[in-house]
Amino acid sequence: MKMKILAMTALCAMMVAGSAGAAEKSAQQKKMTQCNSMASTQSLKGDARKSFMSSCLKKDSNMAGMTPQQMKMKSCNNEAGQKALKGDARKSFMSSCLKKS
């Protein structure tokens, strides 16, 4: 009788541990879907999309609470930083990047 109870307890513990891992995975999948959707909304491609997805998927990312305009600004800013643009060239790039739909 004690063996049955012990076996059932062990089985329940394994089931709980397995479901905890599944919950973490689904949260990451949910975040990936959300970031992908935001990148698609902004029509990002190439390096700009990679940069945006990287920022969005980081643990400490606050992208989920940002408005679409703020996300677009962050993405354009990252892209301008990668291109090392400064001064008038940066202003011109940011203006054209932010106007893209």
PDB file of N, CA and C in Angstrom:
ATOM      1  N   MET A   1       0.817  -1.189   0.000  1.00  0.00           N
ATOM      2  CA  MET A   1       0.000   0.000   0.000  1.00  0.00           C
ATOM      3  C   MET A   1       0.866   1.261   0.000  1.00  0.00           C
ATOM      4  N   LYS A   2       1.912   1.262   0.841  1.00  0.00           N
ATOM      5  CA  LYS A   2       2.802   2.415   0.910  1.00  0.00           C
ATOM      6  C   LYS A   2       3.502   2.635  -0.429  1.00  0.00           C
ATOM      7  N   MET A   3       3.828   1.562  -1.119  1.00  0.00           N
ATOM      8  CA  MET A   3       4.502   1.668  -2.422  1.00  0.00           C
ATOM      9  C   MET A   3       3.584   2.319  -3.440  1.00  0.00           C
ATOM     10  N   LYS A   4       2.286   1.981  -3.405  1.00  0.00           N
ATOM     11  CA  LYS A   4       1.336   2.578  -4.346  1.00  0.00           C
ATOM     12  C   LYS A   4       1.216   4.086  -4.105  1.00  0.00           C
ATOM     13  N   ILE A   5       1.146   4.462  -2.846  1.00  0.00           N
ATOM     14  CA  ILE A   5       1.037   5.889  -2.509  1.00  0.00           C
ATOM     15  C   ILE A   5       2.304   6.619  -2.936  1.00  0.00           C
ATOM     16  N   LEU A   6       3.452   6.022  -2.674  1.00  0.00           N
ATOM     17  CA  LEU A   6       4.722   6.615  -3.060  1.00  0.00           C
ATOM     18  C   LEU A   6       4.820   6.748  -4.586  1.00  0.00           C
ATOM     19  N   ALA A   7       4.390   5.722  -5.289  1.00  0.00           N
ATOM     20  CA  ALA A   7       4.426   5.751  -6.757  1.00  0.00           C
ATOM     21  C   ALA A   7       3.489   6.826  -7.301  1.00  0.00           C
ATOM     22  N   MET A   8       2.312   6.934  -6.722  1.00  0.00           N
ATOM     23  CA  MET A   8       1.349   7.946  -7.163  1.00  0.00           C
ATOM     24  C   MET A   8       1.877   9.357  -6.884  1.00  0.00           C
ATOM     25  N   THR A   9       2.513   9.551  -5.745  1.00  0.00           N
ATOM     26  CA  THR A   9       3.084  10.850  -5.395  1.00  0.00           C
ATOM     27  C   THR A   9       4.191  11.227  -6.383  1.00  0.00           C
ATOM     28  N   ALA A  10       5.039  10.266  -6.709  1.00  0.00           N
ATOM     29  CA  ALA A  10       6.124  10.511  -7.660  1.00  0.00           C
ATOM     30  C   ALA A  10       5.559  10.842  -9.039  1.00  0.00           C
ATOM     31  N   LEU A  11       4.522  10.132  -9.452  1.00  0.00           N
ATOM     32  CA  LEU A  11       3.891  10.366 -10.749  1.00  0.00           C
ATOM     33  C   LEU A  11       3.289  11.773 -10.807  1.00  0.00           C
ATOM     34  N   CYS A  12       2.613  12.169  -9.742  1.00  0.00           N
ATOM     35  CA  CYS A  12       2.028  13.516  -9.683  1.00  0.00           C
ATOM     36  C   CYS A  12       3.115  14.590  -9.732  1.00  0.00           C
ATOM     37  N   ALA A  13       4.215  14.361  -9.039  1.00  0.00           N
ATOM     38  CA  ALA A  13       5.315  15.326  -9.032  1.00  0.00           C
ATOM     39  C   ALA A  13       5.905  15.479 -10.428  1.00  0.00           C
ATOM     40  N   MET A  14       6.043  14.376 -11.144  1.00  0.00           N
ATOM     41  CA  MET A  14       6.584  14.441 -12.507  1.00  0.00           C
ATOM     42  C   MET A  14       5.624  15.178 -13.434  1.00  0.00           C
ATOM     43  N   MET A  15       4.332  14.981 -13.258  1.00  0.00           N
ATOM     44  CA  MET A  15       3.347  15.645 -14.101  1.00  0.00           C
ATOM     45  C   MET A  15       3.371  17.157 -13.865  1.00  0.00           C
ATOM     46  N   VAL A  16       3.490  17.566 -12.617  1.00  0.00           N
ATOM     47  CA  VAL A  16       3.543  18.989 -12.283  1.00  0.00           C
ATOM     48  C   VAL A  16       4.810  19.609 -12.865  1.00  0.00           C
ATOM     49  N   ALA A  17       5.931  18.926 -12.737  1.00  0.00           N
ATOM     50  CA  ALA A  17       7.191  19.445 -13.278  1.00  0.00           C
ATOM     51  C   ALA A  17       7.123  19.548 -14.799  1.00  0.00           C
ATOM     52  N   GLY A  18       6.522  18.590 -15.436  1.00  0.00           N
ATOM     53  CA  GLY A  18       6.385  18.613 -16.897  1.00  0.00           C
ATOM     54  C   GLY A  18       5.497  19.743 -17.367  1.00  0.00           C
ATOM     55  N   SER A  19       4.420  20.013 -16.652  1.00  0.00           N
ATOM     56  CA  SER A  19       3.520  21.082 -17.062  1.00  0.00           C
ATOM     57  C   SER A  19       4.149  22.456 -16.834  1.00  0.00           C
ATOM     58  N   ALA A  20       5.033  22.594 -15.855  1.00  0.00           N
ATOM     59  CA  ALA A  20       5.714  23.870 -15.612  1.00  0.00           C
ATOM     60  C   ALA A  20       6.624  24.207 -16.786  1.00  0.00           C
ATOM     61  N   GLY A  21       7.324  23.220 -17.309  1.00  0.00           N
ATOM     62  CA  GLY A  21       8.185  23.443 -18.467  1.00  0.00           C
ATOM     63  C   GLY A  21       7.371  23.818 -19.690  1.00  0.00           C
ATOM     64  N   ALA A  22       6.221  23.213 -19.862  1.00  0.00           N
ATOM     65  CA  ALA A  22       5.355  23.511 -20.999  1.00  0.00           C
ATOM     66  C   ALA A  22       4.815  24.933 -20.911  1.00  0.00           C
ATOM     67  N   ALA A  23       4.535  25.398 -19.696  1.00  0.00           N
ATOM     68  CA  ALA A  23       4.017  26.756 -19.527  1.00  0.00           C
ATOM     69  C   ALA A  23       5.067  27.789 -19.928  1.00  0.00           C
ATOM     70  N   GLU A  24       6.334  27.548 -19.571  1.00  0.00           N
ATOM     71  CA  GLU A  24       7.401  28.468 -19.944  1.00  0.00           C
ATOM     72  C   GLU A  24       7.554  28.515 -21.460  1.00  0.00           C
ATOM     73  N   LYS A  25       7.485  27.378 -22.079  1.00  0.00           N
ATOM     74  CA  LYS A  25       7.643  27.313 -23.521  1.00  0.00           C
ATOM     75  C   LYS A  25       6.515  28.064 -24.218  1.00  0.00           C
ATOM     76  N   SER A  26       5.309  27.900 -23.758  1.00  0.00           N
ATOM     77  CA  SER A  26       4.198  28.584 -24.404  1.00  0.00           C
ATOM     78  C   SER A  26       4.287  30.105 -24.195  1.00  0.00           C
ATOM     79  N   ALA A  27       4.847  30.544 -23.081  1.00  0.00           N
ATOM     80  CA  ALA A  27       5.026  31.983 -22.855  1.00  0.00           C
ATOM     81  C   ALA A  27       6.034  32.539 -23.855  1.00  0.00           C
ATOM     82  N   GLN A  28       7.120  31.785 -24.117  1.00  0.00           N
ATOM     83  CA  GLN A  28       8.123  32.230 -25.085  1.00  0.00           C
ATOM     84  C   GLN A  28       7.525  32.234 -26.496  1.00  0.00           C
ATOM     85  N   GLN A  29       6.730  31.219 -26.789  1.00  0.00           N
ATOM     86  CA  GLN A  29       6.084  31.171 -28.094  1.00  0.00           C
ATOM     87  C   GLN A  29       5.122  32.346 -28.255  1.00  0.00           C
ATOM     88  N   LYS A  30       4.427  32.680 -27.183  1.00  0.00           N
ATOM     89  CA  LYS A  30       3.489  33.800 -27.206  1.00  0.00           C
ATOM     90  C   LYS A  30       4.235  35.106 -27.474  1.00  0.00           C
ATOM     91  N   LYS A  31       5.384  35.283 -26.818  1.00  0.00           N
ATOM     92  CA  LYS A  31       6.182  36.490 -27.005  1.00  0.00           C
ATOM     93  C   LYS A  31       6.717  36.559 -28.434  1.00  0.00           C
ATOM     94  N   MET A  32       7.158  35.406 -28.968  1.00  0.00           N
ATOM     95  CA  MET A  32       7.667  35.355 -30.341  1.00  0.00           C
ATOM     96  C   MET A  32       6.569  35.753 -31.327  1.00  0.00           C
ATOM     97  N   THR A  33       5.367  35.246 -31.108  1.00  0.00           N
ATOM     98  CA  THR A  33       4.239  35.570 -31.976  1.00  0.00           C
ATOM     99  C   THR A  33       3.924  37.061 -31.904  1.00  0.00           C
ATOM    100  N   GLN A  34       3.927  37.604 -30.704  1.00  0.00           N
ATOM    101  CA  GLN A  34       3.628  39.026 -30.518  1.00  0.00           C
ATOM    102  C   GLN A  34       4.682  39.900 -31.196  1.00  0.00           C
ATOM    103  N   CYS A  35       5.955  39.575 -31.004  1.00  0.00           N
ATOM    104  CA  CYS A  35       7.032  40.357 -31.628  1.00  0.00           C
ATOM    105  C   CYS A  35       6.970  40.256 -33.147  1.00  0.00           C
ATOM    106  N   ASN A  36       6.693  39.059 -33.651  1.00  0.00           N
ATOM    107  CA  ASN A  36       6.594  38.855 -35.095  1.00  0.00           C
ATOM    108  C   ASN A  36       5.443  39.669 -35.673  1.00  0.00           C
ATOM    109  N   SER A  37       4.343  39.701 -34.966  1.00  0.00           N
ATOM    110  CA  SER A  37       3.186  40.461 -35.414  1.00  0.00           C
ATOM    111  C   SER A  37       3.499  41.956 -35.470  1.00  0.00           C
ATOM    112  N   MET A  38       4.190  42.454 -34.446  1.00  0.00           N
ATOM    113  CA  MET A  38       4.548  43.875 -34.414  1.00  0.00           C
ATOM    114  C   MET A  38       5.518  44.215 -35.545  1.00  0.00           C
ATOM    115  N   ALA A  39       6.462  43.321 -35.821  1.00  0.00           N
ATOM    116  CA  ALA A  39       7.419  43.556 -36.906  1.00  0.00           C
ATOM    117  C   ALA A  39       6.709  43.565 -38.250  1.00  0.00           C
ATOM    118  N   SER A  40       5.733  42.695 -38.415  1.00  0.00           N
ATOM    119  CA  SER A  40       4.973  42.647 -39.665  1.00  0.00           C
ATOM    120  C   SER A  40       4.120  43.894 -39.838  1.00  0.00           C
ATOM    121  N   THR A  41       3.550  44.385 -38.751  1.00  0.00           N
ATOM    122  CA  THR A  41       2.731  45.599 -38.788  1.00  0.00           C
ATOM    123  C   THR A  41       3.553  46.780 -39.290  1.00  0.00           C
ATOM    124  N   GLN A  42       4.824  46.805 -38.915  1.00  0.00           N
ATOM    125  CA  GLN A  42       5.702  47.898 -39.312  1.00  0.00           C
ATOM    126  C   GLN A  42       6.369  47.648 -40.663  1.00  0.00           C
ATOM    127  N   SER A  43       6.084  46.523 -41.294  1.00  0.00           N
ATOM    128  CA  SER A  43       6.672  46.149 -42.589  1.00  0.00           C
ATOM    129  C   SER A  43       8.195  46.149 -42.546  1.00  0.00           C
ATOM    130  N   LEU A  44       8.762  45.647 -41.453  1.00  0.00           N
ATOM    131  CA  LEU A  44      10.211  45.610 -41.318  1.00  0.00           C
ATOM    132  C   LEU A  44      10.786  44.441 -42.109  1.00  0.00           C
ATOM    133  N   LYS A  45      11.950  44.666 -42.711  1.00  0.00           N
ATOM    134  CA  LYS A  45      12.622  43.629 -43.480  1.00  0.00           C
ATOM    135  C   LYS A  45      14.122  43.700 -43.230  1.00  0.00           C
ATOM    136  N   GLY A  46      14.802  42.615 -43.482  1.00  0.00           N
ATOM    137  CA  GLY A  46      16.263  42.582 -43.399  1.00  0.00           C
ATOM    138  C   GLY A  46      16.812  42.892 -42.021  1.00  0.00           C
ATOM    139  N   ASP A  47      17.845  43.728 -42.001  1.00  0.00           N
ATOM    140  CA  ASP A  47      18.527  44.058 -40.743  1.00  0.00           C
ATOM    141  C   ASP A  47      17.628  44.779 -39.754  1.00  0.00           C
ATOM    142  N   ALA A  48      16.720  45.607 -40.257  1.00  0.00           N
ATOM    143  CA  ALA A  48      15.809  46.318 -39.358  1.00  0.00           C
ATOM    144  C   ALA A  48      14.915  45.324 -38.618  1.00  0.00           C
ATOM    145  N   ARG A  49      14.443  44.301 -39.329  1.00  0.00           N
ATOM    146  CA  ARG A  49      13.590  43.279 -38.706  1.00  0.00           C
ATOM    147  C   ARG A  49      14.390  42.470 -37.687  1.00  0.00           C
ATOM    148  N   LYS A  50      15.610  42.095 -38.051  1.00  0.00           N
ATOM    149  CA  LYS A  50      16.462  41.326 -37.129  1.00  0.00           C
ATOM    150  C   LYS A  50      16.706  42.108 -35.851  1.00  0.00           C
ATOM    151  N   SER A  51      17.033  43.388 -36.002  1.00  0.00           N
ATOM    152  CA  SER A  51      17.295  44.239 -34.852  1.00  0.00           C
ATOM    153  C   SER A  51      16.049  44.366 -33.966  1.00  0.00           C
ATOM    154  N   PHE A  52      14.907  44.586 -34.613  1.00  0.00           N
ATOM    155  CA  PHE A  52      13.659  44.721 -33.873  1.00  0.00           C
ATOM    156  C   PHE A  52      13.328  43.432 -33.117  1.00  0.00           C
ATOM    157  N   MET A  53      13.434  42.294 -33.805  1.00  0.00           N
ATOM    158  CA  MET A  53      13.099  41.008 -33.173  1.00  0.00           C
ATOM    159  C   MET A  53      14.036  40.724 -31.999  1.00  0.00           C
ATOM    160  N   SER A  54      15.295  41.039 -32.165  1.00  0.00           N
ATOM    161  CA  SER A  54      16.259  40.830 -31.091  1.00  0.00           C
ATOM    162  C   SER A  54      15.888  41.651 -29.860  1.00  0.00           C
ATOM    163  N   SER A  55      15.580  42.921 -30.079  1.00  0.00           N
ATOM    164  CA  SER A  55      15.191  43.804 -28.967  1.00  0.00           C
ATOM    165  C   SER A  55      13.913  43.323 -28.309  1.00  0.00           C
ATOM    166  N   CYS A  56      12.958  42.957 -29.137  1.00  0.00           N
ATOM    167  CA  CYS A  56      11.643  42.561 -28.640  1.00  0.00           C
ATOM    168  C   CYS A  56      11.704  41.278 -27.814  1.00  0.00           C
ATOM    169  N   LEU A  57      12.542  40.338 -28.224  1.00  0.00           N
ATOM    170  CA  LEU A  57      12.581  39.035 -27.567  1.00  0.00           C
ATOM    171  C   LEU A  57      13.447  38.990 -26.314  1.00  0.00           C
ATOM    172  N   LYS A  58      14.240  40.041 -26.080  1.00  0.00           N
ATOM    173  CA  LYS A  58      15.066  40.053 -24.876  1.00  0.00           C
ATOM    174  C   LYS A  58      14.181  40.043 -23.644  1.00  0.00           C
ATOM    175  N   LYS A  59      14.655  39.389 -22.591  1.00  0.00           N
ATOM    176  CA  LYS A  59      13.876  39.269 -21.356  1.00  0.00           C
ATOM    177  C   LYS A  59      13.457  40.615 -20.794  1.00  0.00           C
ATOM    178  N   ASP A  60      14.368  41.567 -20.787  1.00  0.00           N
ATOM    179  CA  ASP A  60      14.089  42.860 -20.158  1.00  0.00           C
ATOM    180  C   ASP A  60      13.424  43.838 -21.110  1.00  0.00           C
ATOM    181  N   SER A  61      12.988  43.345 -22.249  1.00  0.00           N
ATOM    182  CA  SER A  61      12.356  44.215 -23.237  1.00  0.00           C
ATOM    183  C   SER A  61      11.002  44.709 -22.745  1.00  0.00           C
ATOM    184  N   ASN A  62      10.752  45.985 -22.931  1.00  0.00           N
ATOM    185  CA  ASN A  62       9.464  46.566 -22.572  1.00  0.00           C
ATOM    186  C   ASN A  62       8.640  46.866 -23.815  1.00  0.00           C
ATOM    187  N   MET A  63       8.932  46.203 -24.907  1.00  0.00           N
ATOM    188  CA  MET A  63       8.280  46.480 -26.175  1.00  0.00           C
ATOM    189  C   MET A  63       6.775  46.202 -26.107  1.00  0.00           C
ATOM    190  N   ALA A  64       6.373  45.286 -25.251  1.00  0.00           N
ATOM    191  CA  ALA A  64       4.956  44.927 -25.186  1.00  0.00           C
ATOM    192  C   ALA A  64       4.092  46.108 -24.767  1.00  0.00           C
ATOM    193  N   GLY A  65       4.633  47.018 -23.967  1.00  0.00           N
ATOM    194  CA  GLY A  65       3.861  48.162 -23.504  1.00  0.00           C
ATOM    195  C   GLY A  65       3.981  49.386 -24.397  1.00  0.00           C
ATOM    196  N   MET A  66       4.695  49.257 -25.507  1.00  0.00           N
ATOM    197  CA  MET A  66       4.923  50.404 -26.378  1.00  0.00           C
ATOM    198  C   MET A  66       3.824  50.535 -27.427  1.00  0.00           C
ATOM    199  N   THR A  67       3.597  51.770 -27.845  1.00  0.00           N
ATOM    200  CA  THR A  67       2.659  52.013 -28.939  1.00  0.00           C
ATOM    201  C   THR A  67       3.356  51.653 -30.247  1.00  0.00           C
ATOM    202  N   PRO A  68       2.597  51.426 -31.315  1.00  0.00           N
ATOM    203  CA  PRO A  68       3.238  51.114 -32.603  1.00  0.00           C
ATOM    204  C   PRO A  68       4.224  52.196 -33.048  1.00  0.00           C
ATOM    205  N   GLN A  69       3.912  53.463 -32.794  1.00  0.00           N
ATOM    206  CA  GLN A  69       4.819  54.552 -33.172  1.00  0.00           C
ATOM    207  C   GLN A  69       6.122  54.479 -32.374  1.00  0.00           C
ATOM    208  N   GLN A  70       6.017  54.167 -31.088  1.00  0.00           N
ATOM    209  CA  GLN A  70       7.217  54.042 -30.266  1.00  0.00           C
ATOM    210  C   GLN A  70       8.077  52.879 -30.733  1.00  0.00           C
ATOM    211  N   MET A  71       7.434  51.766 -31.099  1.00  0.00           N
ATOM    212  CA  MET A  71       8.170  50.599 -31.592  1.00  0.00           C
ATOM    213  C   MET A  71       8.873  50.932 -32.905  1.00  0.00           C
ATOM    214  N   LYS A  72       8.184  51.665 -33.766  1.00  0.00           N
ATOM    215  CA  LYS A  72       8.768  52.045 -35.047  1.00  0.00           C
ATOM    216  C   LYS A  72       9.960  52.971 -34.812  1.00  0.00           C
ATOM    217  N   MET A  73       9.824  53.916 -33.890  1.00  0.00           N
ATOM    218  CA  MET A  73      10.907  54.841 -33.556  1.00  0.00           C
ATOM    219  C   MET A  73      12.118  54.066 -33.041  1.00  0.00           C
ATOM    220  N   LYS A  74      11.882  53.100 -32.171  1.00  0.00           N
ATOM    221  CA  LYS A  74      12.971  52.292 -31.626  1.00  0.00           C
ATOM    222  C   LYS A  74      13.664  51.504 -32.735  1.00  0.00           C
ATOM    223  N   SER A  75      12.881  50.922 -33.617  1.00  0.00           N
ATOM    224  CA  SER A  75      13.431  50.138 -34.715  1.00  0.00           C
ATOM    225  C   SER A  75      14.272  51.011 -35.647  1.00  0.00           C
ATOM    226  N   CYS A  76      13.740  52.169 -36.032  1.00  0.00           N
ATOM    227  CA  CYS A  76      14.470  53.088 -36.912  1.00  0.00           C
ATOM    228  C   CYS A  76      15.741  53.587 -36.234  1.00  0.00           C
ATOM    229  N   ASN A  77      15.657  53.861 -34.952  1.00  0.00           N
ATOM    230  CA  ASN A  77      16.806  54.319 -34.189  1.00  0.00           C
ATOM    231  C   ASN A  77      17.894  53.252 -34.162  1.00  0.00           C
ATOM    232  N   ASN A  78      17.493  51.993 -33.948  1.00  0.00           N
ATOM    233  CA  ASN A  78      18.457  50.892 -33.955  1.00  0.00           C
ATOM    234  C   ASN A  78      19.132  50.763 -35.317  1.00  0.00           C
ATOM    235  N   GLU A  79      18.341  50.867 -36.372  1.00  0.00           N
ATOM    236  CA  GLU A  79      18.882  50.743 -37.724  1.00  0.00           C
ATOM    237  C   GLU A  79      19.850  51.888 -38.030  1.00  0.00           C
ATOM    238  N   ALA A  80      19.497  53.109 -37.613  1.00  0.00           N
ATOM    239  CA  ALA A  80      20.386  54.261 -37.818  1.00  0.00           C
ATOM    240  C   ALA A  80      21.682  54.077 -37.038  1.00  0.00           C
ATOM    241  N   GLY A  81      21.583  53.490 -35.854  1.00  0.00           N
ATOM    242  CA  GLY A  81      22.779  53.223 -35.050  1.00  0.00           C
ATOM    243  C   GLY A  81      23.682  52.195 -35.704  1.00  0.00           C
ATOM    244  N   GLN A  82      23.088  51.177 -36.317  1.00  0.00           N
ATOM    245  CA  GLN A  82      23.879  50.159 -37.009  1.00  0.00           C
ATOM    246  C   GLN A  82      24.613  50.753 -38.200  1.00  0.00           C
ATOM    247  N   LYS A  83      23.988  51.731 -38.846  1.00  0.00           N
ATOM    248  CA  LYS A  83      24.611  52.375 -40.007  1.00  0.00           C
ATOM    249  C   LYS A  83      25.556  53.494 -39.593  1.00  0.00           C
ATOM    250  N   ALA A  84      25.637  53.767 -38.283  1.00  0.00           N
ATOM    251  CA  ALA A  84      26.512  54.811 -37.722  1.00  0.00           C
ATOM    252  C   ALA A  84      26.237  56.182 -38.347  1.00  0.00           C
ATOM    253  N   LEU A  85      24.959  56.495 -38.530  1.00  0.00           N
ATOM    254  CA  LEU A  85      24.580  57.789 -39.106  1.00  0.00           C
ATOM    255  C   LEU A  85      24.609  58.872 -38.039  1.00  0.00           C
ATOM    256  N   LYS A  86      25.031  60.073 -38.453  1.00  0.00           N
ATOM    257  CA  LYS A  86      25.090  61.211 -37.525  1.00  0.00           C
ATOM    258  C   LYS A  86      24.630  62.470 -38.245  1.00  0.00           C
ATOM    259  N   GLY A  87      24.220  63.441 -37.470  1.00  0.00           N
ATOM    260  CA  GLY A  87      23.864  64.755 -38.009  1.00  0.00           C
ATOM    261  C   GLY A  87      22.711  64.732 -38.994  1.00  0.00           C
ATOM    262  N   ASP A  88      22.875  65.467 -40.087  1.00  0.00           N
ATOM    263  CA  ASP A  88      21.820  65.597 -41.088  1.00  0.00           C
ATOM    264  C   ASP A  88      21.481  64.268 -41.752  1.00  0.00           C
ATOM    265  N   ALA A  89      22.484  63.404 -41.931  1.00  0.00           N
ATOM    266  CA  ALA A  89      22.237  62.101 -42.549  1.00  0.00           C
ATOM    267  C   ALA A  89      21.296  61.273 -41.662  1.00  0.00           C
ATOM    268  N   ARG A  90      21.519  61.357 -40.341  1.00  0.00           N
ATOM    269  CA  ARG A  90      20.655  60.621 -39.406  1.00  0.00           C
ATOM    270  C   ARG A  90      19.236  61.191 -39.416  1.00  0.00           C
ATOM    271  N   LYS A  91      19.128  62.522 -39.400  1.00  0.00           N
ATOM    272  CA  LYS A  91      17.808  63.167 -39.423  1.00  0.00           C
ATOM    273  C   LYS A  91      17.031  62.765 -40.668  1.00  0.00           C
ATOM    274  N   SER A  92      17.714  62.789 -41.796  1.00  0.00           N
ATOM    275  CA  SER A  92      17.081  62.428 -43.059  1.00  0.00           C
ATOM    276  C   SER A  92      16.641  60.961 -43.052  1.00  0.00           C
ATOM    277  N   PHE A  93      17.538  60.090 -42.566  1.00  0.00           N
ATOM    278  CA  PHE A  93      17.202  58.663 -42.492  1.00  0.00           C
ATOM    279  C   PHE A  93      16.012  58.429 -41.569  1.00  0.00           C
ATOM    280  N   MET A  94      16.046  59.024 -40.386  1.00  0.00           N
ATOM    281  CA  MET A  94      14.963  58.831 -39.407  1.00  0.00           C
ATOM    282  C   MET A  94      13.640  59.318 -39.974  1.00  0.00           C
ATOM    283  N   SER A  95      13.660  60.454 -40.654  1.00  0.00           N
ATOM    284  CA  SER A  95      12.441  60.991 -41.244  1.00  0.00           C
ATOM    285  C   SER A  95      11.853  60.017 -42.262  1.00  0.00           C
ATOM    286  N   SER A  96      12.686  59.524 -43.165  1.00  0.00           N
ATOM    287  CA  SER A  96      12.174  58.596 -44.184  1.00  0.00           C
ATOM    288  C   SER A  96      11.781  57.255 -43.568  1.00  0.00           C
ATOM    289  N   CYS A  97      12.518  56.791 -42.594  1.00  0.00           N
ATOM    290  CA  CYS A  97      12.199  55.511 -41.946  1.00  0.00           C
ATOM    291  C   CYS A  97      10.864  55.577 -41.212  1.00  0.00           C
ATOM    292  N   LEU A  98      10.621  56.681 -40.529  1.00  0.00           N
ATOM    293  CA  LEU A  98       9.387  56.810 -39.762  1.00  0.00           C
ATOM    294  C   LEU A  98       8.158  57.034 -40.652  1.00  0.00           C
ATOM    295  N   LYS A  99       8.375  57.505 -41.874  1.00  0.00           N
ATOM    296  CA  LYS A  99       7.251  57.714 -42.791  1.00  0.00           C
ATOM    297  C   LYS A  99       6.820  56.427 -43.484  1.00  0.00           C
ATOM    298  N   LYS A 100       7.683  55.410 -43.492  1.00  0.00           N
ATOM    299  CA  LYS A 100       7.330  54.150 -44.131  1.00  0.00           C
ATOM    300  C   LYS A 100       6.127  53.547 -43.417  1.00  0.00           C
ATOM    301  N   SER A 101       5.227  52.965 -44.201  1.00  0.00           N
ATOM    302  CA  SER A 101       4.047  52.361 -43.550  1.00  0.00           C
ATOM    303  C   SER A 101       4.185  50.885 -43.403  1.00  0.00           C
TER     304      SER A 101
END
